[in-house]
Amino acid sequence: DPKTVNWNLVLSDDLRSVTWTEQEQPYPPHPERFKDHPQVLCSQSL
C-alpha cells in the first residue's frame, strides 16, 4: 500500500517488493503512513 510506506522505502512498480534507501522519498503526507520506522502494509485487509 503506497499510502502506508515510510519515506526511507521504495516500492517496485508492481507493488510486490520494497527496498530500503538512505535517501528520503518525496511521498505526500498521509495519516496511515509510517513516520518513524521503515515499514509498509499490504492494501488487503483480512
All heavy atoms as atom14 arrays in JSON, in Angstrom:
{
  "sequence": "DPKTVNWNLVLSDDLRSVTWTEQEQPYPPHPERFKDHPQVLCSQSL",
  "atom14_mask": [
    [1, 1, 1, 1, 1, 1, 1, 1, 0, 0, 0, 0, 0, 0],
    [1, 1, 1, 1, 1, 1, 1, 0, 0, 0, 0, 0, 0, 0],
    [1, 1, 1, 1, 1, 1, 1, 1, 1, 0, 0, 0, 0, 0],
    [1, 1, 1, 1, 1, 1, 1, 0, 0, 0, 0, 0, 0, 0],
    [1, 1, 1, 1, 1, 1, 1, 0, 0, 0, 0, 0, 0, 0],
    [1, 1, 1, 1, 1, 1, 1, 1, 0, 0, 0, 0, 0, 0],
    [1, 1, 1, 1, 1, 1, 1, 1, 1, 1, 1, 1, 1, 1],
    [1, 1, 1, 1, 1, 1, 1, 1, 0, 0, 0, 0, 0, 0],
    [1, 1, 1, 1, 1, 1, 1, 1, 0, 0, 0, 0, 0, 0],
    [1, 1, 1, 1, 1, 1, 1, 0, 0, 0, 0, 0, 0, 0],
    [1, 1, 1, 1, 1, 1, 1, 1, 0, 0, 0, 0, 0, 0],
    [1, 1, 1, 1, 1, 1, 0, 0, 0, 0, 0, 0, 0, 0],
    [1, 1, 1, 1, 1, 1, 1, 1, 0, 0, 0, 0, 0, 0],
    [1, 1, 1, 1, 1, 1, 1, 1, 0, 0, 0, 0, 0, 0],
    [1, 1, 1, 1, 1, 1, 1, 1, 0, 0, 0, 0, 0, 0],
    [1, 1, 1, 1, 1, 1, 1, 1, 1, 1, 1, 0, 0, 0],
    [1, 1, 1, 1, 1, 1, 0, 0, 0, 0, 0, 0, 0, 0],
    [1, 1, 1, 1, 1, 1, 1, 0, 0, 0, 0, 0, 0, 0],
    [1, 1, 1, 1, 1, 1, 1, 0, 0, 0, 0, 0, 0, 0],
    [1, 1, 1, 1, 1, 1, 1, 1, 1, 1, 1, 1, 1, 1],
    [1, 1, 1, 1, 1, 1, 1, 0, 0, 0, 0, 0, 0, 0],
    [1, 1, 1, 1, 1, 1, 1, 1, 1, 0, 0, 0, 0, 0],
    [1, 1, 1, 1, 1, 1, 1, 1, 1, 0, 0, 0, 0, 0],
    [1, 1, 1, 1, 1, 1, 1, 1, 1, 0, 0, 0, 0, 0],
    [1, 1, 1, 1, 1, 1, 1, 1, 1, 0, 0, 0, 0, 0],
    [1, 1, 1, 1, 1, 1, 1, 0, 0, 0, 0, 0, 0, 0],
    [1, 1, 1, 1, 1, 1, 1, 1, 1, 1, 1, 1, 0, 0],
    [1, 1, 1, 1, 1, 1, 1, 0, 0, 0, 0, 0, 0, 0],
    [1, 1, 1, 1, 1, 1, 1, 0, 0, 0, 0, 0, 0, 0],
    [1, 1, 1, 1, 1, 1, 1, 1, 1, 1, 0, 0, 0, 0],
    [1, 1, 1, 1, 1, 1, 1, 0, 0, 0, 0, 0, 0, 0],
    [1, 1, 1, 1, 1, 1, 1, 1, 1, 0, 0, 0, 0, 0],
    [1, 1, 1, 1, 1, 1, 1, 1, 1, 1, 1, 0, 0, 0],
    [1, 1, 1, 1, 1, 1, 1, 1, 1, 1, 1, 0, 0, 0],
    [1, 1, 1, 1, 1, 1, 1, 1, 1, 0, 0, 0, 0, 0],
    [1, 1, 1, 1, 1, 1, 1, 1, 0, 0, 0, 0, 0, 0],
    [1, 1, 1, 1, 1, 1, 1, 1, 1, 1, 0, 0, 0, 0],
    [1, 1, 1, 1, 1, 1, 1, 0, 0, 0, 0, 0, 0, 0],
    [1, 1, 1, 1, 1, 1, 1, 1, 1, 0, 0, 0, 0, 0],
    [1, 1, 1, 1, 1, 1, 1, 0, 0, 0, 0, 0, 0, 0],
    [1, 1, 1, 1, 1, 1, 1, 1, 0, 0, 0, 0, 0, 0],
    [1, 1, 1, 1, 1, 1, 0, 0, 0, 0, 0, 0, 0, 0],
    [1, 1, 1, 1, 1, 1, 0, 0, 0, 0, 0, 0, 0, 0],
    [1, 1, 1, 1, 1, 1, 1, 1, 1, 0, 0, 0, 0, 0],
    [1, 1, 1, 1, 1, 1, 0, 0, 0, 0, 0, 0, 0, 0],
    [1, 1, 1, 1, 1, 1, 1, 1, 0, 0, 0, 0, 0, 0]
  ],
  "atom14_positions": [
    [[0.84, -1.2, 0.0], [0.0, 0.0, 0.0], [0.87, 1.26, 0.0], [1.53, 1.55, 1.01], [-0.9, -0.02, 1.24], [-1.95, 1.06, 1.2], [-1.9, 1.91, 0.29], [-2.83, 1.06, 2.07], [0.0, 0.0, 0.0], [0.0, 0.0, 0.0], [0.0, 0.0, 0.0], [0.0, 0.0, 0.0], [0.0, 0.0, 0.0], [0.0, 0.0, 0.0]],
    [[0.9, 2.02, -1.09], [1.77, 3.2, -1.15], [1.47, 4.25, -0.08], [2.38, 4.96, 0.35], [1.49, 3.76, -2.55], [0.99, 2.6, -3.33], [0.2, 1.77, -2.36], [0.0, 0.0, 0.0], [0.0, 0.0, 0.0], [0.0, 0.0, 0.0], [0.0, 0.0, 0.0], [0.0, 0.0, 0.0], [0.0, 0.0, 0.0], [0.0, 0.0, 0.0]],
    [[0.23, 4.34, 0.37], [-0.09, 5.39, 1.34], [0.42, 5.08, 2.74], [0.4, 5.94, 3.63], [-1.59, 5.64, 1.39], [-2.44, 4.52, 1.96], [-3.91, 4.94, 2.01], [-4.8, 3.83, 2.58], [-4.88, 2.69, 1.64], [0.0, 0.0, 0.0], [0.0, 0.0, 0.0], [0.0, 0.0, 0.0], [0.0, 0.0, 0.0], [0.0, 0.0, 0.0]],
    [[0.91, 3.81, 2.96], [1.45, 3.45, 4.27], [2.97, 3.41, 4.31], [3.56, 3.35, 5.38], [0.93, 2.07, 4.7], [1.45, 1.06, 3.83], [-0.6, 2.02, 4.67], [0.0, 0.0, 0.0], [0.0, 0.0, 0.0], [0.0, 0.0, 0.0], [0.0, 0.0, 0.0], [0.0, 0.0, 0.0], [0.0, 0.0, 0.0], [0.0, 0.0, 0.0]],
    [[3.63, 3.47, 3.15], [5.07, 3.23, 3.09], [5.86, 4.38, 3.7], [5.57, 5.56, 3.49], [5.5, 2.99, 1.62], [5.3, 4.22, 0.76], [6.94, 2.52, 1.56], [0.0, 0.0, 0.0], [0.0, 0.0, 0.0], [0.0, 0.0, 0.0], [0.0, 0.0, 0.0], [0.0, 0.0, 0.0], [0.0, 0.0, 0.0], [0.0, 0.0, 0.0]],
    [[6.88, 4.03, 4.47], [7.76, 5.01, 5.1], [8.64, 5.7, 4.04], [8.92, 5.15, 2.99], [8.64, 4.3, 6.14], [9.63, 5.23, 6.81], [10.78, 5.29, 6.41], [9.19, 5.96, 7.82], [0.0, 0.0, 0.0], [0.0, 0.0, 0.0], [0.0, 0.0, 0.0], [0.0, 0.0, 0.0], [0.0, 0.0, 0.0], [0.0, 0.0, 0.0]],
    [[9.11, 6.93, 4.35], [9.86, 7.72, 3.39], [11.22, 7.11, 3.02], [11.8, 7.49, 2.02], [10.08, 9.14, 3.94], [8.82, 9.95, 3.97], [8.17, 10.49, 2.92], [8.04, 10.29, 5.12], [7.03, 11.14, 3.32], [6.92, 11.05, 4.69], [8.16, 10.03, 6.49], [5.96, 11.54, 5.55], [7.2, 10.53, 7.35], [6.12, 11.27, 6.88]],
    [[11.72, 6.16, 3.82], [13.01, 5.51, 3.51], [12.85, 4.18, 2.79], [13.79, 3.39, 2.73], [13.82, 5.31, 4.79], [14.36, 6.61, 5.33], [13.84, 7.15, 6.3], [15.39, 7.15, 4.68], [0.0, 0.0, 0.0], [0.0, 0.0, 0.0], [0.0, 0.0, 0.0], [0.0, 0.0, 0.0], [0.0, 0.0, 0.0], [0.0, 0.0, 0.0]],
    [[11.68, 3.96, 2.24], [11.43, 2.74, 1.48], [10.98, 3.08, 0.07], [10.28, 4.07, -0.15], [10.36, 1.88, 2.17], [10.7, 1.31, 3.55], [9.52, 0.53, 4.1], [11.94, 0.43, 3.48], [0.0, 0.0, 0.0], [0.0, 0.0, 0.0], [0.0, 0.0, 0.0], [0.0, 0.0, 0.0], [0.0, 0.0, 0.0], [0.0, 0.0, 0.0]],
    [[11.4, 2.24, -0.89], [11.0, 2.4, -2.29], [10.22, 1.16, -2.71], [10.69, 0.03, -2.53], [12.22, 2.6, -3.21], [11.78, 2.69, -4.66], [13.0, 3.83, -2.8], [0.0, 0.0, 0.0], [0.0, 0.0, 0.0], [0.0, 0.0, 0.0], [0.0, 0.0, 0.0], [0.0, 0.0, 0.0], [0.0, 0.0, 0.0], [0.0, 0.0, 0.0]],
    [[9.02, 1.37, -3.28], [8.2, 0.26, -3.76], [8.46, 0.01, -5.24], [8.72, 0.93, -6.0], [6.71, 0.57, -3.55], [6.26, 0.84, -2.11], [4.75, 1.07, -2.07], [6.64, -0.31, -1.2], [0.0, 0.0, 0.0], [0.0, 0.0, 0.0], [0.0, 0.0, 0.0], [0.0, 0.0, 0.0], [0.0, 0.0, 0.0], [0.0, 0.0, 0.0]],
    [[8.38, -1.26, -5.63], [8.51, -1.6, -7.05], [7.25, -1.18, -7.8], [6.2, -0.9, -7.19], [8.74, -3.11, -7.21], [7.63, -3.83, -6.7], [0.0, 0.0, 0.0], [0.0, 0.0, 0.0], [0.0, 0.0, 0.0], [0.0, 0.0, 0.0], [0.0, 0.0, 0.0], [0.0, 0.0, 0.0], [0.0, 0.0, 0.0], [0.0, 0.0, 0.0]],
    [[7.35, -1.13, -9.12], [6.2, -0.7, -9.93], [5.0, -1.61, -9.76], [3.85, -1.16, -9.83], [6.6, -0.64, -11.41], [7.61, 0.46, -11.69], [7.67, 1.42, -10.87], [8.33, 0.38, -12.7], [0.0, 0.0, 0.0], [0.0, 0.0, 0.0], [0.0, 0.0, 0.0], [0.0, 0.0, 0.0], [0.0, 0.0, 0.0], [0.0, 0.0, 0.0]],
    [[5.26, -2.92, -9.56], [4.14, -3.84, -9.4], [3.66, -3.95, -7.95], [2.78, -4.75, -7.63], [4.51, -5.23, -9.92], [5.67, -5.86, -9.14], [6.21, -5.2, -8.23], [6.05, -6.99, -9.47], [0.0, 0.0, 0.0], [0.0, 0.0, 0.0], [0.0, 0.0, 0.0], [0.0, 0.0, 0.0], [0.0, 0.0, 0.0], [0.0, 0.0, 0.0]],
    [[4.24, -3.11, -7.06], [3.86, -3.07, -5.64], [4.01, -4.44, -4.97], [3.24, -4.8, -4.08], [2.42, -2.57, -5.49], [2.12, -1.19, -6.05], [0.65, -0.82, -5.82], [3.03, -0.13, -5.43], [0.0, 0.0, 0.0], [0.0, 0.0, 0.0], [0.0, 0.0, 0.0], [0.0, 0.0, 0.0], [0.0, 0.0, 0.0], [0.0, 0.0, 0.0]],
    [[5.05, -5.19, -5.4], [5.28, -6.52, -4.83], [6.59, -6.63, -4.07], [6.84, -7.66, -3.45], [5.26, -7.57, -5.97], [3.96, -7.65, -6.74], [2.94, -8.46, -6.03], [3.32, -9.86, -5.96], [2.74, -10.75, -5.16], [1.79, -10.38, -4.33], [3.13, -12.01, -5.16], [0.0, 0.0, 0.0], [0.0, 0.0, 0.0], [0.0, 0.0, 0.0]],
    [[7.44, -5.61, -4.12], [8.7, -5.65, -3.39], [9.01, -4.26, -2.84], [8.52, -3.24, -3.36], [9.84, -6.15, -4.28], [10.06, -5.26, -5.35], [0.0, 0.0, 0.0], [0.0, 0.0, 0.0], [0.0, 0.0, 0.0], [0.0, 0.0, 0.0], [0.0, 0.0, 0.0], [0.0, 0.0, 0.0], [0.0, 0.0, 0.0], [0.0, 0.0, 0.0]],
    [[9.83, -4.24, -1.78], [10.19, -2.99, -1.12], [11.69, -3.01, -0.85], [12.25, -4.04, -0.46], [9.38, -2.8, 0.18], [9.59, -3.97, 1.13], [9.74, -1.5, 0.86], [0.0, 0.0, 0.0], [0.0, 0.0, 0.0], [0.0, 0.0, 0.0], [0.0, 0.0, 0.0], [0.0, 0.0, 0.0], [0.0, 0.0, 0.0], [0.0, 0.0, 0.0]],
    [[12.34, -1.86, -1.06], [13.79, -1.73, -0.88], [14.09, -0.54, 0.02], [13.49, 0.53, -0.14], [14.49, -1.55, -2.23], [14.16, -2.65, -3.09], [16.01, -1.48, -2.05], [0.0, 0.0, 0.0], [0.0, 0.0, 0.0], [0.0, 0.0, 0.0], [0.0, 0.0, 0.0], [0.0, 0.0, 0.0], [0.0, 0.0, 0.0], [0.0, 0.0, 0.0]],
    [[15.02, -0.73, 0.94], [15.41, 0.36, 1.86], [16.4, 1.3, 1.18], [17.24, 0.89, 0.38], [16.03, -0.25, 3.12], [16.42, 0.79, 4.14], [15.6, 1.42, 5.03], [17.72, 1.33, 4.36], [16.29, 2.3, 5.79], [17.61, 2.29, 5.4], [18.96, 1.11, 3.78], [18.7, 2.99, 5.87], [20.05, 1.84, 4.24], [19.92, 2.76, 5.28]],
    [[16.3, 2.57, 1.49], [17.22, 3.58, 0.96], [17.49, 4.64, 2.02], [16.61, 4.94, 2.85], [16.63, 4.25, -0.3], [17.54, 5.27, -0.74], [15.27, 4.88, -0.01], [0.0, 0.0, 0.0], [0.0, 0.0, 0.0], [0.0, 0.0, 0.0], [0.0, 0.0, 0.0], [0.0, 0.0, 0.0], [0.0, 0.0, 0.0], [0.0, 0.0, 0.0]],
    [[18.71, 5.16, 2.03], [19.04, 6.22, 2.99], [18.39, 7.55, 2.6], [18.13, 8.39, 3.46], [20.56, 6.4, 3.07], [21.28, 5.22, 3.72], [22.76, 5.49, 3.89], [23.23, 6.57, 3.42], [23.45, 4.64, 4.48], [0.0, 0.0, 0.0], [0.0, 0.0, 0.0], [0.0, 0.0, 0.0], [0.0, 0.0, 0.0], [0.0, 0.0, 0.0]],
    [[18.14, 7.74, 1.33], [17.58, 8.99, 0.84], [16.05, 8.97, 0.97], [15.38, 8.1, 0.44], [17.97, 9.22, -0.62], [17.49, 10.55, -1.18], [17.95, 10.75, -2.61], [18.65, 9.91, -3.16], [17.59, 11.88, -3.19], [0.0, 0.0, 0.0], [0.0, 0.0, 0.0], [0.0, 0.0, 0.0], [0.0, 0.0, 0.0], [0.0, 0.0, 0.0]],
    [[15.5, 9.94, 1.69], [14.06, 10.0, 1.88], [13.35, 10.29, 0.57], [13.8, 11.09, -0.24], [13.7, 11.07, 2.92], [14.1, 10.71, 4.34], [13.47, 11.63, 5.37], [12.79, 12.6, 4.95], [13.64, 11.38, 6.56], [0.0, 0.0, 0.0], [0.0, 0.0, 0.0], [0.0, 0.0, 0.0], [0.0, 0.0, 0.0], [0.0, 0.0, 0.0]],
    [[12.23, 9.62, 0.39], [11.44, 9.77, -0.83], [10.37, 10.86, -0.64], [9.87, 11.06, 0.47], [10.77, 8.44, -1.18], [11.75, 7.28, -1.34], [12.76, 7.55, -2.43], [12.39, 7.74, -3.6], [14.04, 7.57, -2.08], [0.0, 0.0, 0.0], [0.0, 0.0, 0.0], [0.0, 0.0, 0.0], [0.0, 0.0, 0.0], [0.0, 0.0, 0.0]],
    [[9.99, 11.54, -1.72], [9.04, 12.66, -1.6], [7.59, 12.21, -1.58], [6.75, 12.67, -2.36], [9.35, 13.47, -2.87], [9.77, 12.45, -3.87], [10.54, 11.41, -3.09], [0.0, 0.0, 0.0], [0.0, 0.0, 0.0], [0.0, 0.0, 0.0], [0.0, 0.0, 0.0], [0.0, 0.0, 0.0], [0.0, 0.0, 0.0], [0.0, 0.0, 0.0]],
    [[7.25, 11.29, -0.64], [5.86, 10.86, -0.54], [5.04, 11.94, 0.14], [5.51, 12.58, 1.1], [5.76, 9.56, 0.25], [6.53, 8.39, -0.34], [7.3, 7.56, 0.48], [6.48, 8.11, -1.69], [8.01, 6.49, -0.05], [7.18, 7.04, -2.23], [7.94, 6.24, -1.41], [8.62, 5.19, -1.94], [0.0, 0.0, 0.0], [0.0, 0.0, 0.0]],
    [[3.8, 12.15, -0.29], [2.94, 13.16, 0.37], [2.53, 12.69, 1.75], [2.47, 11.49, 2.02], [1.75, 13.26, -0.58], [1.68, 11.92, -1.25], [3.11, 11.49, -1.42], [0.0, 0.0, 0.0], [0.0, 0.0, 0.0], [0.0, 0.0, 0.0], [0.0, 0.0, 0.0], [0.0, 0.0, 0.0], [0.0, 0.0, 0.0], [0.0, 0.0, 0.0]],
    [[2.22, 13.61, 2.66], [1.76, 13.22, 3.99], [0.45, 12.43, 3.91], [-0.37, 12.67, 3.02], [1.54, 14.57, 4.68], [2.35, 15.54, 3.92], [2.34, 15.07, 2.5], [0.0, 0.0, 0.0], [0.0, 0.0, 0.0], [0.0, 0.0, 0.0], [0.0, 0.0, 0.0], [0.0, 0.0, 0.0], [0.0, 0.0, 0.0], [0.0, 0.0, 0.0]],
    [[0.33, 11.48, 4.8], [-0.92, 10.7, 4.87], [-1.04, 10.14, 6.28], [-0.05, 9.7, 6.87], [-0.9, 9.55, 3.85], [-2.25, 8.96, 3.62], [-2.86, 8.09, 4.51], [-3.14, 9.12, 2.59], [-4.04, 7.74, 4.04], [-4.23, 8.35, 2.87], [0.0, 0.0, 0.0], [0.0, 0.0, 0.0], [0.0, 0.0, 0.0], [0.0, 0.0, 0.0]],
    [[-2.23, 10.17, 6.86], [-2.4, 9.69, 8.25], [-2.05, 8.22, 8.45], [-1.74, 7.81, 9.57], [-3.88, 9.95, 8.54], [-4.53, 10.09, 7.2], [-3.5, 10.7, 6.3], [0.0, 0.0, 0.0], [0.0, 0.0, 0.0], [0.0, 0.0, 0.0], [0.0, 0.0, 0.0], [0.0, 0.0, 0.0], [0.0, 0.0, 0.0], [0.0, 0.0, 0.0]],
    [[-2.07, 7.42, 7.39], [-1.76, 6.0, 7.53], [-0.29, 5.68, 7.24], [0.13, 4.53, 7.33], [-2.64, 5.18, 6.59], [-4.13, 5.23, 6.95], [-4.95, 4.27, 6.12], [-4.39, 3.24, 5.69], [-6.14, 4.55, 5.88], [0.0, 0.0, 0.0], [0.0, 0.0, 0.0], [0.0, 0.0, 0.0], [0.0, 0.0, 0.0], [0.0, 0.0, 0.0]],
    [[0.53, 6.7, 6.91], [1.93, 6.47, 6.58], [2.74, 6.26, 7.86], [2.54, 6.95, 8.86], [2.49, 7.66, 5.79], [3.87, 7.37, 5.18], [4.35, 8.52, 4.32], [3.38, 8.89, 3.3], [3.15, 8.2, 2.19], [3.83, 7.09, 1.97], [2.24, 8.61, 1.31], [0.0, 0.0, 0.0], [0.0, 0.0, 0.0], [0.0, 0.0, 0.0]],
    [[3.69, 5.29, 7.84], [4.57, 5.08, 8.98], [5.62, 6.19, 9.02], [6.33, 6.42, 8.04], [5.26, 3.71, 8.88], [4.34, 2.56, 9.22], [3.74, 1.8, 8.23], [4.06, 2.25, 10.55], [2.89, 0.76, 8.53], [3.21, 1.2, 10.87], [2.62, 0.46, 9.86], [0.0, 0.0, 0.0], [0.0, 0.0, 0.0], [0.0, 0.0, 0.0]],
    [[5.71, 6.86, 10.17], [6.56, 8.04, 10.28], [7.98, 7.72, 10.73], [8.94, 8.29, 10.22], [5.98, 9.03, 11.3], [4.62, 9.7, 11.1], [3.93, 9.58, 9.83], [2.61, 10.36, 9.84], [1.44, 9.51, 9.85], [0.0, 0.0, 0.0], [0.0, 0.0, 0.0], [0.0, 0.0, 0.0], [0.0, 0.0, 0.0], [0.0, 0.0, 0.0]],
    [[8.13, 6.82, 11.69], [9.42, 6.67, 12.39], [10.19, 5.4, 12.04], [11.36, 5.28, 12.4], [9.19, 6.7, 13.9], [8.54, 7.99, 14.34], [8.92, 9.05, 13.81], [7.64, 7.95, 15.2], [0.0, 0.0, 0.0], [0.0, 0.0, 0.0], [0.0, 0.0, 0.0], [0.0, 0.0, 0.0], [0.0, 0.0, 0.0], [0.0, 0.0, 0.0]],
    [[9.56, 4.44, 11.37], [10.23, 3.17, 11.09], [9.98, 2.78, 9.63], [8.89, 3.02, 9.09], [9.72, 2.07, 12.02], [9.89, 2.4, 13.47], [11.11, 2.4, 14.1], [8.97, 2.76, 14.4], [10.95, 2.74, 15.37], [9.66, 2.97, 15.58], [0.0, 0.0, 0.0], [0.0, 0.0, 0.0], [0.0, 0.0, 0.0], [0.0, 0.0, 0.0]],
    [[10.99, 2.17, 8.97], [10.85, 1.78, 7.56], [9.93, 0.58, 7.4], [10.37, -0.56, 7.26], [12.29, 1.46, 7.14], [12.98, 1.05, 8.4], [12.36, 1.88, 9.48], [0.0, 0.0, 0.0], [0.0, 0.0, 0.0], [0.0, 0.0, 0.0], [0.0, 0.0, 0.0], [0.0, 0.0, 0.0], [0.0, 0.0, 0.0], [0.0, 0.0, 0.0]],
    [[8.64, 0.87, 7.42], [7.63, -0.18, 7.38], [6.59, 0.13, 6.31], [6.43, 1.27, 5.89], [6.95, -0.34, 8.74], [7.92, -0.72, 9.85], [7.26, -0.88, 11.2], [7.82, -1.5, 12.1], [6.09, -0.3, 11.4], [0.0, 0.0, 0.0], [0.0, 0.0, 0.0], [0.0, 0.0, 0.0], [0.0, 0.0, 0.0], [0.0, 0.0, 0.0]],
    [[5.86, -0.9, 5.91], [4.79, -0.75, 4.92], [3.79, -1.89, 5.13], [4.16, -2.97, 5.6], [5.36, -0.78, 3.48], [6.01, -2.12, 3.17], [4.28, -0.47, 2.45], [0.0, 0.0, 0.0], [0.0, 0.0, 0.0], [0.0, 0.0, 0.0], [0.0, 0.0, 0.0], [0.0, 0.0, 0.0], [0.0, 0.0, 0.0], [0.0, 0.0, 0.0]],
    [[2.52, -1.62, 4.82], [1.46, -2.62, 4.92], [1.0, -3.03, 3.53], [1.26, -2.34, 2.54], [0.26, -2.08, 5.7], [0.5, -1.55, 7.11], [-0.83, -1.11, 7.72], [1.16, -2.6, 7.99], [0.0, 0.0, 0.0], [0.0, 0.0, 0.0], [0.0, 0.0, 0.0], [0.0, 0.0, 0.0], [0.0, 0.0, 0.0], [0.0, 0.0, 0.0]],
    [[0.29, -4.15, 3.48], [-0.4, -4.53, 2.25], [-1.73, -3.78, 2.17], [-2.3, -3.38, 3.19], [-0.65, -6.03, 2.21], [0.76, -6.99, 1.62], [0.0, 0.0, 0.0], [0.0, 0.0, 0.0], [0.0, 0.0, 0.0], [0.0, 0.0, 0.0], [0.0, 0.0, 0.0], [0.0, 0.0, 0.0], [0.0, 0.0, 0.0], [0.0, 0.0, 0.0]],
    [[-2.24, -3.65, 0.96], [-3.53, -2.98, 0.78], [-4.68, -3.85, 1.25], [-5.74, -3.34, 1.61], [-3.73, -2.64, -0.7], [-2.72, -1.79, -1.18], [0.0, 0.0, 0.0], [0.0, 0.0, 0.0], [0.0, 0.0, 0.0], [0.0, 0.0, 0.0], [0.0, 0.0, 0.0], [0.0, 0.0, 0.0], [0.0, 0.0, 0.0], [0.0, 0.0, 0.0]],
    [[-4.48, -5.18, 1.25], [-5.56, -6.1, 1.56], [-5.72, -6.26, 3.08], [-4.75, -6.55, 3.78], [-5.31, -7.47, 0.93], [-5.34, -7.49, -0.58], [-4.1, -6.91, -1.23], [-3.08, -6.73, -0.56], [-4.18, -6.59, -2.5], [0.0, 0.0, 0.0], [0.0, 0.0, 0.0], [0.0, 0.0, 0.0], [0.0, 0.0, 0.0], [0.0, 0.0, 0.0]],
    [[-6.95, -6.09, 3.56], [-7.24, -6.37, 4.96], [-7.83, -7.77, 5.07], [-8.51, -8.24, 4.16], [-8.23, -5.34, 5.52], [-9.49, -5.45, 4.89], [0.0, 0.0, 0.0], [0.0, 0.0, 0.0], [0.0, 0.0, 0.0], [0.0, 0.0, 0.0], [0.0, 0.0, 0.0], [0.0, 0.0, 0.0], [0.0, 0.0, 0.0], [0.0, 0.0, 0.0]],
    [[-7.58, -8.42, 6.2], [-8.02, -9.79, 6.43], [-8.86, -9.82, 7.7], [-8.38, -9.46, 8.77], [-6.81, -10.71, 6.56], [-5.76, -10.6, 5.43], [-4.53, -11.42, 5.77], [-6.35, -11.03, 4.11], [0.0, 0.0, 0.0], [0.0, 0.0, 0.0], [0.0, 0.0, 0.0], [0.0, 0.0, 0.0], [0.0, 0.0, 0.0], [0.0, 0.0, 0.0]]
  ]
}
